[in-house]
Amino acid sequence: MIKPPLILTLALTDKDSAYFNTLRQKYFPKERNFIDAHLTLFHALPYELTVIDTVKAWCSNQEGFMIEVKEPVSIGKGVAFKLASEELMLMHKSLQVKWFDFLSLQDRHKIWPHITVQNKVTAIEERELLDELKKEFFPFAMPTTGLQLWEYLNGPWKFIGRFDFKV
C-alpha cells in the first residue's frame, strides 16, 4: 500500500494561528476549507521514517525565530499575507538540499512564504477583501515555535505530529 505524501508546515503560537484562522474561516469558501491557516514549507514529502527523523533532529537543534508579516497581497482569485524571514529561507534551503533527490518540482522551487486566508473566489471578492485588509493592517512580527507534519488525504490533512524548536 502506498502511503500518502507528507506536508511540512511551520508551527506558530496559538495566538497567531487564531488570528489567521479567524480570517480564513470568515473568507475562505466553506466548501473548500478543509484545513486551518498554515505556512507550507514542503507540499509532498515521501512518508518515510527518514523524513520524520530529519524533522525531529532539525527541530531539536533549531532555535525559534521571528517572521515578519509584511502585508496582505493578491494571489489571483484570493488573498494571502506575505511573510519574510531570513532564518526561514535558510532553514528551507537547507532542508531542500538535504531532500532534493525526492522533492516534487513544486518543492524544488524557492519558497514564497505566505499564509492564505482566501482562495478560489471571484476577482470582485478578492479585491474587496484585499482593500479591507489593507485599510486595517499594520505589519507585525510573530515567533515560530516548530514544525508540523501532515498526511495529505486528497483535500483534508491528517495531523501526524508537532516538533518544537529548542528553547
C-alpha atoms as a PDB file:
ATOM      1  CA  MET A   1       0.000   0.000   0.000  1.00  0.00           C
ATOM      2  CA  ILE A   2       1.348   3.398  -0.986  1.00  0.00           C
ATOM      3  CA  LYS A   3       1.297   5.910   1.831  1.00  0.00           C
ATOM      4  CA  PRO A   4       0.055   9.449   1.099  1.00  0.00           C
ATOM      5  CA  PRO A   5       2.601  12.264   0.882  1.00  0.00           C
ATOM      6  CA  LEU A   6       3.577  14.327   3.889  1.00  0.00           C
ATOM      7  CA  ILE A   7       3.203  18.091   4.107  1.00  0.00           C
ATOM      8  CA  LEU A   8       5.593  20.093   6.289  1.00  0.00           C
ATOM      9  CA  THR A   9       4.325  23.351   7.783  1.00  0.00           C
ATOM     10  CA  LEU A  10       5.728  25.923  10.180  1.00  0.00           C
ATOM     11  CA  ALA A  11       4.169  25.943  13.649  1.00  0.00           C
ATOM     12  CA  LEU A  12       3.059  29.264  15.087  1.00  0.00           C
ATOM     13  CA  THR A  13       1.824  30.350  18.502  1.00  0.00           C
ATOM     14  CA  ASP A  14      -1.827  29.730  19.347  1.00  0.00           C
ATOM     15  CA  LYS A  15      -2.462  33.487  19.263  1.00  0.00           C
ATOM     16  CA  ASP A  16      -1.025  33.956  15.771  1.00  0.00           C
ATOM     17  CA  SER A  17      -2.730  30.813  14.459  1.00  0.00           C
ATOM     18  CA  ALA A  18      -6.054  32.096  15.820  1.00  0.00           C
ATOM     19  CA  TYR A  19      -5.611  35.436  14.013  1.00  0.00           C
ATOM     20  CA  PHE A  20      -5.123  33.806  10.599  1.00  0.00           C
ATOM     21  CA  ASN A  21      -7.709  31.064  11.236  1.00  0.00           C
ATOM     22  CA  THR A  22     -10.377  33.622  12.082  1.00  0.00           C
ATOM     23  CA  LEU A  23      -9.789  35.344   8.736  1.00  0.00           C
ATOM     24  CA  ARG A  24      -9.656  32.041   6.860  1.00  0.00           C
ATOM     25  CA  GLN A  25     -12.904  30.796   8.399  1.00  0.00           C
ATOM     26  CA  LYS A  26     -14.595  34.058   7.508  1.00  0.00           C
ATOM     27  CA  TYR A  27     -13.325  34.469   3.925  1.00  0.00           C
ATOM     28  CA  PHE A  28     -12.259  31.092   2.541  1.00  0.00           C
ATOM     29  CA  PRO A  29     -15.065  29.303   0.669  1.00  0.00           C
ATOM     30  CA  LYS A  30     -16.509  26.867   3.215  1.00  0.00           C
ATOM     31  CA  GLU A  31     -16.842  24.011   0.715  1.00  0.00           C
ATOM     32  CA  ARG A  32     -13.061  24.168   0.090  1.00  0.00           C
ATOM     33  CA  ASN A  33     -11.816  24.971   3.593  1.00  0.00           C
ATOM     34  CA  PHE A  34     -10.592  21.596   4.842  1.00  0.00           C
ATOM     35  CA  ILE A  35      -7.672  22.853   6.935  1.00  0.00           C
ATOM     36  CA  ASP A  36      -6.575  25.686   9.199  1.00  0.00           C
ATOM     37  CA  ALA A  37      -4.435  28.584   8.030  1.00  0.00           C
ATOM     38  CA  HIS A  38      -0.835  27.476   7.569  1.00  0.00           C
ATOM     39  CA  LEU A  39       2.572  28.248   6.103  1.00  0.00           C
ATOM     40  CA  THR A  40       3.557  25.297   3.915  1.00  0.00           C
ATOM     41  CA  LEU A  41       7.262  24.559   3.639  1.00  0.00           C
ATOM     42  CA  PHE A  42       7.030  21.349   1.574  1.00  0.00           C
ATOM     43  CA  HIS A  43       3.942  20.051  -0.208  1.00  0.00           C
ATOM     44  CA  ALA A  44       4.754  16.402  -0.979  1.00  0.00           C
ATOM     45  CA  LEU A  45       7.425  14.635   1.049  1.00  0.00           C
ATOM     46  CA  PRO A  46       7.580  10.846   0.984  1.00  0.00           C
ATOM     47  CA  TYR A  47       6.004   9.179   4.005  1.00  0.00           C
ATOM     48  CA  GLU A  48       9.243   7.665   5.287  1.00  0.00           C
ATOM     49  CA  LEU A  49      10.792   7.362   8.715  1.00  0.00           C
ATOM     50  CA  THR A  50      13.934   9.137   7.486  1.00  0.00           C
ATOM     51  CA  VAL A  51      11.884  12.264   6.694  1.00  0.00           C
ATOM     52  CA  ILE A  52      10.238  12.232  10.128  1.00  0.00           C
ATOM     53  CA  ASP A  53      13.592  11.625  11.827  1.00  0.00           C
ATOM     54  CA  THR A  54      15.151  14.529   9.899  1.00  0.00           C
ATOM     55  CA  VAL A  55      12.346  16.866  11.016  1.00  0.00           C
ATOM     56  CA  LYS A  56      12.729  15.769  14.658  1.00  0.00           C
ATOM     57  CA  ALA A  57      16.506  16.194  14.579  1.00  0.00           C
ATOM     58  CA  TRP A  58      16.271  19.552  12.799  1.00  0.00           C
ATOM     59  CA  CYS A  59      13.831  20.929  15.367  1.00  0.00           C
ATOM     60  CA  SER A  60      15.916  19.740  18.328  1.00  0.00           C
ATOM     61  CA  ASN A  61      18.810  21.871  17.017  1.00  0.00           C
ATOM     62  CA  GLN A  62      16.836  24.853  15.648  1.00  0.00           C
ATOM     63  CA  GLU A  63      16.058  27.859  17.793  1.00  0.00           C
ATOM     64  CA  GLY A  64      12.794  29.661  17.232  1.00  0.00           C
ATOM     65  CA  PHE A  65      12.938  32.814  15.134  1.00  0.00           C
ATOM     66  CA  MET A  66      10.725  35.703  14.180  1.00  0.00           C
ATOM     67  CA  ILE A  67       8.791  36.107  10.948  1.00  0.00           C
ATOM     68  CA  GLU A  68       7.608  39.445   9.642  1.00  0.00           C
ATOM     69  CA  VAL A  69       4.023  39.627   8.436  1.00  0.00           C
ATOM     70  CA  LYS A  70       4.555  42.236   5.722  1.00  0.00           C
ATOM     71  CA  GLU A  71       1.188  42.848   4.053  1.00  0.00           C
ATOM     72  CA  PRO A  72      -1.917  41.274   2.554  1.00  0.00           C
ATOM     73  CA  VAL A  73      -1.430  40.527  -1.162  1.00  0.00           C
ATOM     74  CA  SER A  74      -3.412  39.219  -4.106  1.00  0.00           C
ATOM     75  CA  ILE A  75      -2.701  35.625  -5.118  1.00  0.00           C
ATOM     76  CA  GLY A  76      -5.076  35.653  -8.078  1.00  0.00           C
ATOM     77  CA  LYS A  77      -8.636  34.816  -7.013  1.00  0.00           C
ATOM     78  CA  GLY A  78      -7.637  35.072  -3.359  1.00  0.00           C
ATOM     79  CA  VAL A  79      -5.699  36.875  -0.635  1.00  0.00           C
ATOM     80  CA  ALA A  80      -2.694  35.861   1.442  1.00  0.00           C
ATOM     81  CA  PHE A  81      -0.352  37.523   3.889  1.00  0.00           C
ATOM     82  CA  LYS A  82       3.195  37.932   2.590  1.00  0.00           C
ATOM     83  CA  LEU A  83       5.806  36.835   5.128  1.00  0.00           C
ATOM     84  CA  ALA A  84       9.545  37.449   5.391  1.00  0.00           C
ATOM     85  CA  SER A  85      12.318  35.842   7.424  1.00  0.00           C
ATOM     86  CA  GLU A  86      15.934  35.235   6.515  1.00  0.00           C
ATOM     87  CA  GLU A  87      16.050  32.358   9.032  1.00  0.00           C
ATOM     88  CA  LEU A  88      13.056  30.717   7.374  1.00  0.00           C
ATOM     89  CA  MET A  89      14.659  30.996   3.948  1.00  0.00           C
ATOM     90  CA  LEU A  90      17.907  29.455   5.219  1.00  0.00           C
ATOM     91  CA  MET A  91      16.084  26.636   7.009  1.00  0.00           C
ATOM     92  CA  HIS A  92      14.010  25.841   3.939  1.00  0.00           C
ATOM     93  CA  LYS A  93      17.044  25.890   1.647  1.00  0.00           C
ATOM     94  CA  SER A  94      18.980  23.547   3.950  1.00  0.00           C
ATOM     95  CA  LEU A  95      16.131  21.028   4.076  1.00  0.00           C
ATOM     96  CA  GLN A  96      15.629  21.395   0.336  1.00  0.00           C
ATOM     97  CA  VAL A  97      19.267  20.497  -0.318  1.00  0.00           C
ATOM     98  CA  LYS A  98      19.047  17.503   2.048  1.00  0.00           C
ATOM     99  CA  TRP A  99      15.867  16.160   0.417  1.00  0.00           C
ATOM    100  CA  PHE A 100      16.410  17.365  -3.165  1.00  0.00           C
ATOM    101  CA  ASP A 101      16.532  13.923  -4.809  1.00  0.00           C
ATOM    102  CA  PHE A 102      12.958  13.067  -3.849  1.00  0.00           C
ATOM    103  CA  LEU A 103      11.316  16.515  -3.930  1.00  0.00           C
ATOM    104  CA  SER A 104       8.497  17.343  -6.326  1.00  0.00           C
ATOM    105  CA  LEU A 105       9.081  20.105  -8.875  1.00  0.00           C
ATOM    106  CA  GLN A 106       6.946  22.412  -6.728  1.00  0.00           C
ATOM    107  CA  ASP A 107       9.098  21.737  -3.655  1.00  0.00           C
ATOM    108  CA  ARG A 108      12.348  22.277  -5.575  1.00  0.00           C
ATOM    109  CA  HIS A 109      11.466  25.937  -6.186  1.00  0.00           C
ATOM    110  CA  LYS A 110      12.402  28.798  -3.912  1.00  0.00           C
ATOM    111  CA  ILE A 111       9.786  29.181  -1.198  1.00  0.00           C
ATOM    112  CA  TRP A 112       7.400  32.133  -1.254  1.00  0.00           C
ATOM    113  CA  PRO A 113       6.339  32.386   2.417  1.00  0.00           C
ATOM    114  CA  HIS A 114       2.672  33.273   2.824  1.00  0.00           C
ATOM    115  CA  ILE A 115      -0.497  32.353   4.680  1.00  0.00           C
ATOM    116  CA  THR A 116      -3.631  32.140   2.542  1.00  0.00           C
ATOM    117  CA  VAL A 117      -6.883  33.387   4.053  1.00  0.00           C
ATOM    118  CA  GLN A 118      -8.981  33.387   0.865  1.00  0.00           C
ATOM    119  CA  ASN A 119      -8.763  31.387  -2.361  1.00  0.00           C
ATOM    120  CA  LYS A 120     -10.795  30.457  -5.446  1.00  0.00           C
ATOM    121  CA  VAL A 121     -13.180  33.399  -5.261  1.00  0.00           C
ATOM    122  CA  THR A 122     -14.234  35.987  -7.834  1.00  0.00           C
ATOM    123  CA  ALA A 123     -11.995  38.920  -8.704  1.00  0.00           C
ATOM    124  CA  ILE A 124     -14.527  41.232  -7.038  1.00  0.00           C
ATOM    125  CA  GLU A 125     -14.487  39.256  -3.764  1.00  0.00           C
ATOM    126  CA  GLU A 126     -10.700  39.210  -3.815  1.00  0.00           C
ATOM    127  CA  ARG A 127     -10.422  42.961  -4.418  1.00  0.00           C
ATOM    128  CA  GLU A 128     -12.962  43.747  -1.675  1.00  0.00           C
ATOM    129  CA  LEU A 129     -11.114  41.677   0.922  1.00  0.00           C
ATOM    130  CA  LEU A 130      -7.696  42.944  -0.122  1.00  0.00           C
ATOM    131  CA  ASP A 131      -8.870  46.567   0.132  1.00  0.00           C
ATOM    132  CA  GLU A 132     -10.490  45.889   3.524  1.00  0.00           C
ATOM    133  CA  LEU A 133      -7.414  44.177   4.963  1.00  0.00           C
ATOM    134  CA  LYS A 134      -5.014  46.812   3.646  1.00  0.00           C
ATOM    135  CA  LYS A 135      -7.022  49.580   5.345  1.00  0.00           C
ATOM    136  CA  GLU A 136      -6.690  47.961   8.767  1.00  0.00           C
ATOM    137  CA  PHE A 137      -3.345  46.182   8.506  1.00  0.00           C
ATOM    138  CA  PHE A 138      -0.113  47.108  10.252  1.00  0.00           C
ATOM    139  CA  PRO A 139       2.972  44.926   9.732  1.00  0.00           C
ATOM    140  CA  PHE A 140       3.964  42.823  12.734  1.00  0.00           C
ATOM    141  CA  ALA A 141       6.416  40.132  13.754  1.00  0.00           C
ATOM    142  CA  MET A 142       5.473  36.733  15.106  1.00  0.00           C
ATOM    143  CA  PRO A 143       7.546  33.956  16.643  1.00  0.00           C
ATOM    144  CA  THR A 144       7.890  30.483  15.206  1.00  0.00           C
ATOM    145  CA  THR A 145       7.636  27.529  17.555  1.00  0.00           C
ATOM    146  CA  GLY A 146       8.463  24.450  15.482  1.00  0.00           C
ATOM    147  CA  LEU A 147       7.415  22.319  12.528  1.00  0.00           C
ATOM    148  CA  GLN A 148       4.333  20.189  11.872  1.00  0.00           C
ATOM    149  CA  LEU A 149       3.899  17.138   9.665  1.00  0.00           C
ATOM    150  CA  TRP A 150       0.606  16.278   7.994  1.00  0.00           C
ATOM    151  CA  GLU A 151      -0.606  13.438   5.814  1.00  0.00           C
ATOM    152  CA  TYR A 152      -2.287  14.669   2.619  1.00  0.00           C
ATOM    153  CA  LEU A 153      -5.671  12.973   2.085  1.00  0.00           C
ATOM    154  CA  ASN A 154      -6.782  14.460  -1.259  1.00  0.00           C
ATOM    155  CA  GLY A 155      -8.279  17.536   0.365  1.00  0.00           C
ATOM    156  CA  PRO A 156      -8.234  17.236   4.135  1.00  0.00           C
ATOM    157  CA  TRP A 157      -4.984  16.759   6.022  1.00  0.00           C
ATOM    158  CA  LYS A 158      -4.353  14.359   8.913  1.00  0.00           C
ATOM    159  CA  PHE A 159      -2.096  15.655  11.691  1.00  0.00           C
ATOM    160  CA  ILE A 160       0.978  13.462  12.190  1.00  0.00           C
ATOM    161  CA  GLY A 161       2.961  15.456  14.740  1.00  0.00           C
ATOM    162  CA  ARG A 162       4.364  18.698  16.011  1.00  0.00           C
ATOM    163  CA  PHE A 163       8.061  19.095  16.673  1.00  0.00           C
ATOM    164  CA  ASP A 164       9.055  22.098  18.784  1.00  0.00           C
ATOM    165  CA  PHE A 165      12.218  24.082  18.256  1.00  0.00           C
ATOM    166  CA  LYS A 166      14.728  24.013  21.102  1.00  0.00           C
ATOM    167  CA  VAL A 167      14.109  26.573  23.797  1.00  0.00           C
END
